[in-house]
Amino acid sequence: MSLRTRLMVLTSAWLVFILVLFSTLLYSFFVGITAKSEKELLFGKAQSILENRKVHDERYWSDADLLDEFLVSDEMIRIIGMDGLVKLELQSNEILVVEPPHVTTRDSFSIKRIDKTRYLYVEVPIMSGSEQIGVLEIARKLTKWSLYINVLTTALILMSIGAVVVSAIGSFFYSSFLFQPLRQLNSTMQMIQLSGTFRKLDDEFMARTDELGKLGITFNEMISRLEELVQKQKRFVADASHELRTPLTIIESYAGMLNRWGSEDPELRKEAIDAILGESHRLKSLVGSLMQLAESEQEDWLRMEQIDLMAIVRSAASAMEVAFSRDIRIESRSDSVPITGDSEKLKQLLIILLDNAIKYSAEPVRIRVVALQQAVQVMVVDEGIGMEDKTLPFLFDRFFRTDLARTRQTGGFGLGLSIAKSIVERHEGAIRIESRPGKGTTVIVELPR
């Protein structure tokens, strides 16, 4: 069953329930009010009859004239003994006597339905002193009352049927109007599936101010995000292919030279072997960086524990000083800064940032650590060549490099800052870069404590 059909059925069912409840309450109220008035009339008549002292004497019950003056059209009056036998009976409608006599010790009434007509019976005890000697029963045909009840019942049934029909028709058209945006959304998604290209909802859909409009905004934002991710993926594949192609081409070229002339020329052989070895190292480094980026997407990539950030900073700075014979200065007011994180990944983060600072600066590199109340700031500052503002938004993109001409000289692939950003974000931190051409660059990392 479709959602539209379910909505129509549920709406109609709810309306039927409301109508049945309302009709039942209205019917009960009307019957109660009208029956009460008829009942009070017959009980009043019974009291008038009981005012006659002869009615309280069993010797007069055989006198047919005892109740004759009280009998009217479509009515029955009878006296019933305590043995359940009728002692005296007068009637102007034979149907009324069909109901068997009923002995009761208190005032009572009942409404009987015979041949689609309703009849009211009331019973009142006949007392002689403190002893009950019989029952006075009066019955009346409720002609007009039955007519009113039948008219009311017919009206309620017809009204309910009409309301259900109108509701069903209204639900059909309303659901068509309500589900039209959903059909448009479904059509757009099917077109995306069939064509393999991204499509967005039109401005008319987006102009809606209800929940469907919000759904359309979310859908378009999702499509934009997917387009961006697909473009990044295509660019990543193209860049990775280019980076892999370059060293492979060099290796292939030198291998061909070795095959043709390597056995005769020792210098050429040495040059070729050194080039092949160097490009193999570059390939290994590139593949390693790509694997790190892929691993950074895994949930269990980090091993979180309580660590001393200052110990990691000193370890990374010492390693880079030895590797590059450069001066790296650490500035901090605290000897120990405890945080929760992955020590290996944070050391890798610092090495990446220090490596970039050393490559593009001849001056000493500074690491400034500032402990805040809820976080820790780590700033890697160099006084190198700096960068233009227009390049800053792209620095964390994969394979992005500020100076393509210096790529092979510095040995970078444009993946270091992407890995650094992944490490920081997986620690629920933030990273940003400030730089001015000719003044240097500052990388600011903020990690939660």
Protein backbone atom coordinates (compact mmCIF):
# COMPACT_ATOMS: atom_id res chain seq x y z
CA MET A 1 0.00 0.00 0.00
CA SER A 2 1.42 3.36 -1.04
CA LEU A 3 1.97 6.18 1.43
CA ARG A 4 -0.70 8.22 -0.32
CA THR A 5 -3.28 5.42 0.02
CA ARG A 6 -2.36 4.90 3.66
CA LEU A 7 -2.86 8.60 4.33
CA MET A 8 -6.29 8.53 2.70
CA VAL A 9 -7.34 5.40 4.62
CA LEU A 10 -6.09 6.72 7.96
CA THR A 11 -7.77 10.10 7.40
CA SER A 12 -11.09 8.46 6.48
CA ALA A 13 -10.87 5.98 9.36
CA TRP A 14 -10.19 8.77 11.84
CA LEU A 15 -13.13 10.78 10.49
CA VAL A 16 -15.42 7.72 10.73
CA PHE A 17 -14.35 7.22 14.33
CA ILE A 18 -15.06 10.87 15.17
CA LEU A 19 -18.45 10.76 13.42
CA VAL A 20 -19.48 7.51 15.12
CA LEU A 21 -18.48 8.89 18.50
CA PHE A 22 -20.27 12.19 17.89
CA SER A 23 -23.39 10.46 16.50
CA THR A 24 -23.52 8.07 19.43
CA LEU A 25 -23.25 10.89 21.94
CA LEU A 26 -25.87 12.97 20.11
CA TYR A 27 -28.22 9.99 19.80
CA SER A 28 -27.82 9.09 23.46
CA PHE A 29 -28.39 12.69 24.53
CA PHE A 30 -31.53 13.08 22.40
CA VAL A 31 -32.99 9.73 23.46
CA GLY A 32 -32.25 10.46 27.10
CA ILE A 33 -33.90 13.90 27.04
CA THR A 34 -37.00 12.87 25.09
CA ALA A 35 -37.46 9.56 26.92
CA LYS A 36 -37.20 11.37 30.23
CA SER A 37 -40.15 13.61 29.38
CA GLU A 38 -42.29 10.66 28.24
CA LYS A 39 -41.31 8.69 31.33
CA GLU A 40 -42.23 11.56 33.67
CA LEU A 41 -45.66 11.82 32.01
CA LEU A 42 -46.46 8.15 32.60
CA PHE A 43 -45.11 8.15 36.16
CA GLY A 44 -47.24 11.24 36.83
CA LYS A 45 -50.26 9.43 35.47
CA ALA A 46 -49.47 6.41 37.63
CA GLN A 47 -49.41 8.62 40.74
CA SER A 48 -52.78 10.10 39.75
CA ILE A 49 -54.23 6.59 39.48
CA LEU A 50 -52.73 5.57 42.83
CA GLU A 51 -54.49 8.52 44.50
CA ASN A 52 -57.69 6.49 44.08
CA ARG A 53 -58.04 4.49 47.33
CA LYS A 54 -59.89 1.70 45.58
CA VAL A 55 -56.74 0.86 43.63
CA HIS A 56 -55.10 -0.07 46.97
CA ASP A 57 -57.91 -2.51 47.77
CA GLU A 58 -57.77 -5.89 46.01
CA ARG A 59 -61.55 -6.26 46.21
CA TYR A 60 -62.07 -3.55 43.60
CA TRP A 61 -59.55 -4.95 41.08
CA SER A 62 -62.29 -6.93 39.37
CA ASP A 63 -64.22 -3.72 38.61
CA ALA A 64 -63.57 -2.83 34.92
CA ASP A 65 -64.68 0.76 35.53
CA LEU A 66 -61.89 1.27 38.09
CA LEU A 67 -59.36 2.42 35.50
CA ASP A 68 -61.61 3.28 32.58
CA GLU A 69 -61.44 7.04 33.04
CA PHE A 70 -57.62 7.01 32.77
CA LEU A 71 -57.34 5.08 29.49
CA VAL A 72 -56.45 7.07 26.33
CA SER A 73 -55.57 6.12 22.75
CA ASP A 74 -52.58 3.77 22.14
CA GLU A 75 -52.23 3.01 25.82
CA MET A 76 -52.57 0.11 28.26
CA ILE A 77 -53.22 0.10 32.02
CA ARG A 78 -53.16 -3.07 34.09
CA ILE A 79 -52.87 -4.21 37.68
CA ILE A 80 -50.58 -7.17 38.34
CA GLY A 81 -50.77 -9.26 41.50
CA MET A 82 -47.76 -10.32 43.46
CA ASP A 83 -48.21 -13.77 41.94
CA GLY A 84 -47.45 -12.29 38.49
CA LEU A 85 -51.03 -12.68 37.20
CA VAL A 86 -52.94 -9.82 35.59
CA LYS A 87 -55.85 -8.81 37.85
CA LEU A 88 -57.25 -5.98 35.75
CA GLU A 89 -56.32 -4.86 32.24
CA LEU A 90 -57.51 -2.10 29.94
CA GLN A 91 -55.96 -1.35 26.52
CA SER A 92 -56.61 0.68 23.40
CA ASN A 93 -53.78 -1.01 21.40
CA GLU A 94 -53.54 -4.82 21.33
CA ILE A 95 -49.79 -4.81 20.70
CA LEU A 96 -49.16 -3.36 24.15
CA VAL A 97 -50.42 -6.51 25.92
CA VAL A 98 -47.88 -8.71 24.08
CA GLU A 99 -45.29 -7.83 26.70
CA PRO A 100 -45.66 -10.27 29.65
CA PRO A 101 -46.47 -8.80 33.05
CA HIS A 102 -43.56 -7.80 35.25
CA VAL A 103 -43.54 -7.69 39.04
CA THR A 104 -41.23 -5.13 40.66
CA THR A 105 -40.77 -3.74 44.15
CA ARG A 106 -39.74 -0.27 43.03
CA ASP A 107 -40.51 2.24 40.30
CA SER A 108 -39.10 1.07 36.97
CA PHE A 109 -39.44 1.70 33.26
CA SER A 110 -38.33 0.15 29.96
CA ILE A 111 -38.59 0.95 26.27
CA LYS A 112 -39.53 -1.96 24.02
CA ARG A 113 -39.26 -2.07 20.24
CA ILE A 114 -41.97 -4.04 18.45
CA ASP A 115 -42.30 -3.97 14.65
CA LYS A 116 -40.01 -0.95 14.34
CA THR A 117 -42.16 1.00 16.80
CA ARG A 118 -41.09 1.89 20.32
CA TYR A 119 -43.28 1.41 23.41
CA LEU A 120 -42.74 2.78 26.92
CA TYR A 121 -43.61 0.65 29.97
CA VAL A 122 -43.60 1.98 33.55
CA GLU A 123 -44.23 -0.06 36.70
CA VAL A 124 -45.17 1.34 40.14
CA PRO A 125 -45.68 -0.76 43.30
CA ILE A 126 -49.23 -0.72 44.82
CA MET A 127 -49.02 -0.50 48.58
CA SER A 128 -51.60 -1.29 51.24
CA GLY A 129 -50.23 0.28 54.35
CA SER A 130 -46.64 -0.91 54.56
CA GLU A 131 -47.27 -4.04 52.47
CA GLN A 132 -46.99 -4.30 48.65
CA ILE A 133 -50.04 -6.00 47.19
CA GLY A 134 -49.43 -5.54 43.48
CA VAL A 135 -47.96 -3.52 40.62
CA LEU A 136 -49.56 -0.83 38.47
CA GLU A 137 -48.23 -1.00 34.90
CA ILE A 138 -48.89 1.64 32.26
CA ALA A 139 -47.69 1.33 28.64
CA ARG A 140 -47.91 3.79 25.77
CA LYS A 141 -47.07 3.68 22.09
CA LEU A 142 -44.38 6.30 21.31
CA THR A 143 -45.49 7.16 17.80
CA LYS A 144 -44.01 10.65 17.43
CA TRP A 145 -41.01 9.80 19.57
CA SER A 146 -40.22 6.80 17.36
CA LEU A 147 -40.63 8.98 14.30
CA TYR A 148 -38.18 11.55 15.67
CA ILE A 149 -35.67 8.85 16.61
CA ASN A 150 -35.90 7.27 13.15
CA VAL A 151 -35.44 10.65 11.47
CA LEU A 152 -32.48 11.41 13.71
CA THR A 153 -30.89 8.01 13.04
CA THR A 154 -31.37 8.36 9.28
CA ALA A 155 -29.94 11.89 9.34
CA LEU A 156 -26.90 10.82 11.33
CA ILE A 157 -26.21 7.86 9.03
CA LEU A 158 -26.60 9.94 5.86
CA MET A 159 -24.48 12.72 7.33
CA SER A 160 -21.74 10.26 8.27
CA ILE A 161 -21.76 8.63 4.85
CA GLY A 162 -21.69 12.02 3.15
CA ALA A 163 -18.86 13.21 5.36
CA VAL A 164 -16.84 10.08 4.63
CA VAL A 165 -17.39 10.45 0.88
CA VAL A 166 -16.45 14.14 0.97
CA SER A 167 -13.45 13.32 3.15
CA ALA A 168 -12.29 10.60 0.75
CA ILE A 169 -12.57 12.95 -2.22
CA GLY A 170 -10.86 15.74 -0.32
CA SER A 171 -8.12 13.40 0.86
CA PHE A 172 -7.53 12.27 -2.72
CA PHE A 173 -7.00 15.78 -4.01
CA TYR A 174 -5.15 16.96 -0.90
CA SER A 175 -2.80 13.99 -1.00
CA SER A 176 -2.18 14.66 -4.69
CA PHE A 177 -1.21 18.22 -3.82
CA LEU A 178 0.77 17.15 -0.75
CA PHE A 179 2.75 14.39 -2.47
CA GLN A 180 3.50 16.32 -5.65
CA PRO A 181 6.82 17.63 -4.21
CA LEU A 182 7.73 14.11 -3.13
CA ARG A 183 7.03 12.84 -6.64
CA GLN A 184 9.27 15.59 -7.97
CA LEU A 185 11.99 14.60 -5.51
CA ASN A 186 11.64 10.94 -6.50
CA SER A 187 11.76 11.86 -10.20
CA THR A 188 14.95 13.87 -9.66
CA MET A 189 16.57 10.98 -7.80
CA GLN A 190 15.59 8.54 -10.57
CA MET A 191 17.09 10.87 -13.19
CA ILE A 192 20.30 10.99 -11.16
CA GLN A 193 20.34 7.20 -11.01
CA LEU A 194 19.66 6.74 -14.74
CA SER A 195 21.93 9.49 -16.07
CA GLY A 196 24.75 9.15 -13.56
CA THR A 197 24.93 12.95 -13.25
CA PHE A 198 23.98 15.14 -10.32
CA ARG A 199 20.77 17.19 -10.50
CA LYS A 200 19.21 19.62 -8.05
CA LEU A 201 15.63 20.56 -7.25
CA ASP A 202 14.29 23.68 -8.94
CA ASP A 203 13.78 27.07 -7.29
CA GLU A 204 10.00 26.54 -6.98
CA PHE A 205 10.57 23.52 -4.75
CA MET A 206 13.17 25.41 -2.73
CA ALA A 207 10.80 28.36 -2.24
CA ARG A 208 8.49 26.29 -0.02
CA THR A 209 8.53 27.30 3.64
CA ASP A 210 7.31 24.00 5.07
CA GLU A 211 9.14 20.79 6.00
CA LEU A 212 9.28 19.72 2.35
CA GLY A 213 11.09 22.95 1.51
CA LYS A 214 13.62 22.19 4.25
CA LEU A 215 13.96 18.68 2.82
CA GLY A 216 14.66 20.20 -0.60
CA ILE A 217 17.34 22.48 0.85
CA THR A 218 18.98 19.52 2.59
CA PHE A 219 18.80 17.47 -0.64
CA ASN A 220 20.43 20.21 -2.72
CA GLU A 221 23.12 20.72 -0.09
CA MET A 222 23.78 16.98 -0.12
CA ILE A 223 24.04 17.00 -3.93
CA SER A 224 26.46 19.93 -3.79
CA ARG A 225 28.54 18.09 -1.21
CA LEU A 226 28.56 14.93 -3.32
CA GLU A 227 29.58 16.91 -6.41
CA GLU A 228 32.41 18.46 -4.45
CA LEU A 229 33.54 15.08 -3.15
CA VAL A 230 33.40 13.51 -6.60
CA GLN A 231 35.41 16.39 -8.07
CA LYS A 232 37.98 16.03 -5.29
CA GLN A 233 38.14 12.31 -5.91
CA LYS A 234 38.66 12.81 -9.65
CA ARG A 235 41.30 15.44 -8.97
CA PHE A 236 42.98 13.16 -6.42
CA VAL A 237 43.06 10.24 -8.87
CA ALA A 238 44.42 12.49 -11.62
CA ASP A 239 47.08 14.01 -9.35
CA ALA A 240 48.08 10.62 -7.94
CA SER A 241 48.33 9.20 -11.45
CA HIS A 242 50.50 12.14 -12.48
CA GLU A 243 52.75 11.79 -9.44
CA LEU A 244 53.14 8.06 -10.06
CA ARG A 245 53.70 8.52 -13.77
CA THR A 246 56.65 10.91 -13.40
CA PRO A 247 59.01 8.62 -11.39
CA LEU A 248 57.90 5.60 -13.40
CA THR A 249 58.77 7.41 -16.63
CA ILE A 250 62.21 8.30 -15.24
CA ILE A 251 62.79 4.72 -14.10
CA GLU A 252 61.69 3.41 -17.50
CA SER A 253 63.98 5.84 -19.34
CA TYR A 254 67.08 5.00 -17.28
CA ALA A 255 66.28 1.30 -17.49
CA GLY A 256 66.22 1.63 -21.28
CA MET A 257 69.55 3.47 -21.22
CA LEU A 258 71.07 0.74 -19.06
CA ASN A 259 69.78 -1.89 -21.44
CA ARG A 260 71.35 -0.20 -24.46
CA TRP A 261 74.61 1.36 -23.20
CA GLY A 262 75.01 0.51 -19.53
CA SER A 263 77.46 -2.35 -20.02
CA GLU A 264 79.89 -0.09 -21.95
CA ASP A 265 79.73 3.16 -19.94
CA PRO A 266 80.38 2.91 -16.14
CA GLU A 267 79.45 6.56 -15.53
CA LEU A 268 76.12 6.17 -17.33
CA ARG A 269 75.47 2.98 -15.40
CA LYS A 270 76.09 4.71 -12.07
CA GLU A 271 73.92 7.69 -13.05
CA ALA A 272 71.07 5.39 -14.11
CA ILE A 273 71.26 3.28 -10.95
CA ASP A 274 71.29 6.38 -8.72
CA ALA A 275 68.32 7.85 -10.59
CA ILE A 276 66.33 4.62 -10.45
CA LEU A 277 67.11 4.25 -6.73
CA GLY A 278 66.10 7.85 -6.03
CA GLU A 279 62.82 7.57 -7.92
CA SER A 280 62.08 4.25 -6.17
CA HIS A 281 62.45 6.03 -2.83
CA ARG A 282 60.08 8.75 -4.07
CA LEU A 283 57.54 6.13 -5.14
CA LYS A 284 57.78 4.40 -1.78
CA SER A 285 57.31 7.71 0.02
CA LEU A 286 54.33 8.61 -2.15
CA VAL A 287 52.63 5.25 -1.65
CA GLY A 288 53.27 5.52 2.09
CA SER A 289 51.64 8.95 2.22
CA LEU A 290 48.63 7.72 0.24
CA MET A 291 48.24 4.78 2.62
CA GLN A 292 48.35 7.14 5.60
CA LEU A 293 45.59 9.25 4.08
CA ALA A 294 43.48 6.13 3.52
CA GLU A 295 44.12 4.89 7.07
CA SER A 296 43.13 8.25 8.52
CA GLU A 297 39.53 7.56 7.45
CA GLN A 298 39.33 4.45 9.67
CA GLU A 299 37.59 4.65 13.04
CA ASP A 300 40.40 2.96 15.00
CA TRP A 301 43.23 4.95 13.45
CA LEU A 302 44.11 6.70 16.72
CA ARG A 303 45.22 5.15 20.01
CA MET A 304 44.12 7.71 22.57
CA GLU A 305 45.88 7.90 25.93
CA GLN A 306 47.04 10.43 28.50
CA ILE A 307 50.33 11.92 27.24
CA ASP A 308 52.72 14.83 27.85
CA LEU A 309 52.62 17.11 24.83
CA MET A 310 55.88 18.85 25.78
CA ALA A 311 57.75 15.52 25.67
CA ILE A 312 56.44 14.92 22.15
CA VAL A 313 57.40 18.45 21.07
CA ARG A 314 60.95 18.02 22.41
CA SER A 315 61.29 14.60 20.77
CA ALA A 316 60.13 15.85 17.35
CA ALA A 317 62.32 18.97 17.53
CA SER A 318 65.39 16.93 18.50
CA ALA A 319 64.85 14.47 15.64
CA MET A 320 64.52 17.25 13.07
CA GLU A 321 67.56 19.11 14.42
CA VAL A 322 69.69 15.99 13.97
CA ALA A 323 68.26 15.17 10.53
CA PHE A 324 68.62 18.65 9.03
CA SER A 325 71.30 20.21 11.25
CA ARG A 326 69.00 23.14 11.92
CA ASP A 327 68.24 25.16 15.04
CA ILE A 328 64.71 24.57 16.41
CA ARG A 329 63.72 26.60 19.47
CA ILE A 330 60.94 25.62 21.87
CA GLU A 331 59.05 28.37 23.73
CA SER A 332 56.73 27.37 26.59
CA ARG A 333 55.99 28.49 30.13
CA SER A 334 55.25 24.91 31.22
CA ASP A 335 57.61 21.97 31.32
CA SER A 336 54.72 19.54 31.09
CA VAL A 337 51.37 19.89 29.27
CA PRO A 338 49.16 16.79 29.75
CA ILE A 339 46.55 16.07 27.06
CA THR A 340 44.67 13.07 25.69
CA GLY A 341 45.88 11.96 22.26
CA ASP A 342 47.89 9.57 20.09
CA SER A 343 51.57 10.24 20.75
CA GLU A 344 52.81 8.74 17.47
CA LYS A 345 50.33 10.69 15.32
CA LEU A 346 51.01 13.96 17.15
CA LYS A 347 54.76 13.49 16.68
CA GLN A 348 54.12 12.85 12.98
CA LEU A 349 52.06 16.06 12.87
CA LEU A 350 54.94 18.09 14.33
CA ILE A 351 57.48 16.50 11.99
CA ILE A 352 55.34 17.42 8.97
CA LEU A 353 55.01 21.03 10.12
CA LEU A 354 58.70 21.31 11.02
CA ASP A 355 59.73 19.73 7.71
CA ASN A 356 57.78 22.37 5.78
CA ALA A 357 59.19 25.18 7.92
CA ILE A 358 62.79 23.96 7.45
CA LYS A 359 62.42 23.53 3.69
CA TYR A 360 61.16 27.04 3.08
CA SER A 361 63.21 28.95 5.68
CA ALA A 362 66.91 29.39 6.37
CA GLU A 363 66.36 30.97 9.79
CA PRO A 364 65.80 29.08 13.06
CA VAL A 365 62.31 27.58 13.46
CA ARG A 366 60.34 28.22 16.63
CA ILE A 367 57.77 26.00 18.34
CA ARG A 368 55.55 27.96 20.71
CA VAL A 369 53.30 26.01 23.13
CA VAL A 370 50.54 27.89 24.98
CA ALA A 371 48.39 26.05 27.54
CA LEU A 372 44.85 27.46 27.69
CA GLN A 373 42.04 26.53 30.07
CA GLN A 374 40.29 24.06 27.76
CA ALA A 375 42.85 23.62 24.97
CA VAL A 376 46.51 23.78 24.00
CA GLN A 377 47.91 25.87 21.16
CA VAL A 378 51.00 24.69 19.28
CA MET A 379 52.48 27.23 16.84
CA VAL A 380 55.25 26.39 14.38
CA VAL A 381 56.80 29.69 13.25
CA ASP A 382 59.34 30.22 10.48
CA GLU A 383 60.77 33.38 8.92
CA GLY A 384 60.93 32.02 5.41
CA ILE A 385 59.57 33.07 2.04
CA GLY A 386 55.92 33.11 3.12
CA MET A 387 52.88 32.76 0.87
CA GLU A 388 50.22 34.85 -0.82
CA ASP A 389 46.79 35.04 0.82
CA LYS A 390 45.16 33.51 -2.26
CA THR A 391 47.01 30.22 -1.75
CA LEU A 392 46.10 29.75 1.93
CA PRO A 393 42.61 28.20 1.38
CA PHE A 394 44.14 25.42 -0.76
CA LEU A 395 47.10 24.43 1.39
CA PHE A 396 45.31 21.44 2.95
CA ASP A 397 44.12 20.06 -0.40
CA ARG A 398 45.81 16.88 -1.50
CA PHE A 399 48.71 17.33 -3.96
CA PHE A 400 48.51 21.13 -3.70
CA ARG A 401 51.92 22.85 -3.85
CA THR A 402 52.69 26.52 -3.74
CA ASP A 403 55.73 26.29 -6.03
CA LEU A 404 55.64 23.54 -8.65
CA ALA A 405 59.14 24.43 -9.84
CA ARG A 406 60.61 23.52 -6.42
CA THR A 407 58.74 20.23 -6.03
CA ARG A 408 61.54 17.91 -6.97
CA GLN A 409 64.08 20.02 -5.13
CA THR A 410 62.15 19.87 -1.83
CA GLY A 411 60.89 16.35 -2.43
CA GLY A 412 57.27 17.10 -1.48
CA PHE A 413 54.10 15.64 -2.96
CA GLY A 414 51.60 18.08 -1.50
CA LEU A 415 50.22 15.45 0.91
CA GLY A 416 51.89 16.46 4.18
CA LEU A 417 49.43 19.15 5.22
CA SER A 418 46.49 16.93 4.23
CA ILE A 419 47.79 14.26 6.60
CA ALA A 420 48.42 16.92 9.28
CA LYS A 421 44.85 18.18 8.98
CA SER A 422 43.48 14.62 9.30
CA ILE A 423 45.50 14.07 12.48
CA VAL A 424 44.28 17.34 14.04
CA GLU A 425 40.63 16.78 13.10
CA ARG A 426 40.65 13.21 14.43
CA HIS A 427 41.84 14.73 17.73
CA GLU A 428 38.81 17.07 17.51
CA GLY A 429 41.15 20.03 17.11
CA ALA A 430 41.63 22.81 14.57
CA ILE A 431 44.50 23.91 12.35
CA ARG A 432 45.04 27.13 10.42
CA ILE A 433 47.89 28.93 8.64
CA GLU A 434 48.89 32.58 8.71
CA SER A 435 51.50 33.80 6.24
CA ARG A 436 52.91 36.93 4.59
CA PRO A 437 55.22 36.95 1.55
CA GLY A 438 58.82 37.58 2.66
CA LYS A 439 57.86 37.58 6.36
CA GLY A 440 57.34 33.92 7.09
CA THR A 441 54.58 31.46 7.99
CA THR A 442 52.90 30.44 11.23
CA VAL A 443 50.95 27.20 11.53
CA ILE A 444 48.58 27.24 14.52
CA VAL A 445 47.26 23.94 15.91
CA GLU A 446 44.70 23.91 18.72
CA LEU A 447 44.06 20.62 20.54
CA PRO A 448 41.55 19.94 23.34
CA ARG A 449 43.04 19.06 26.73
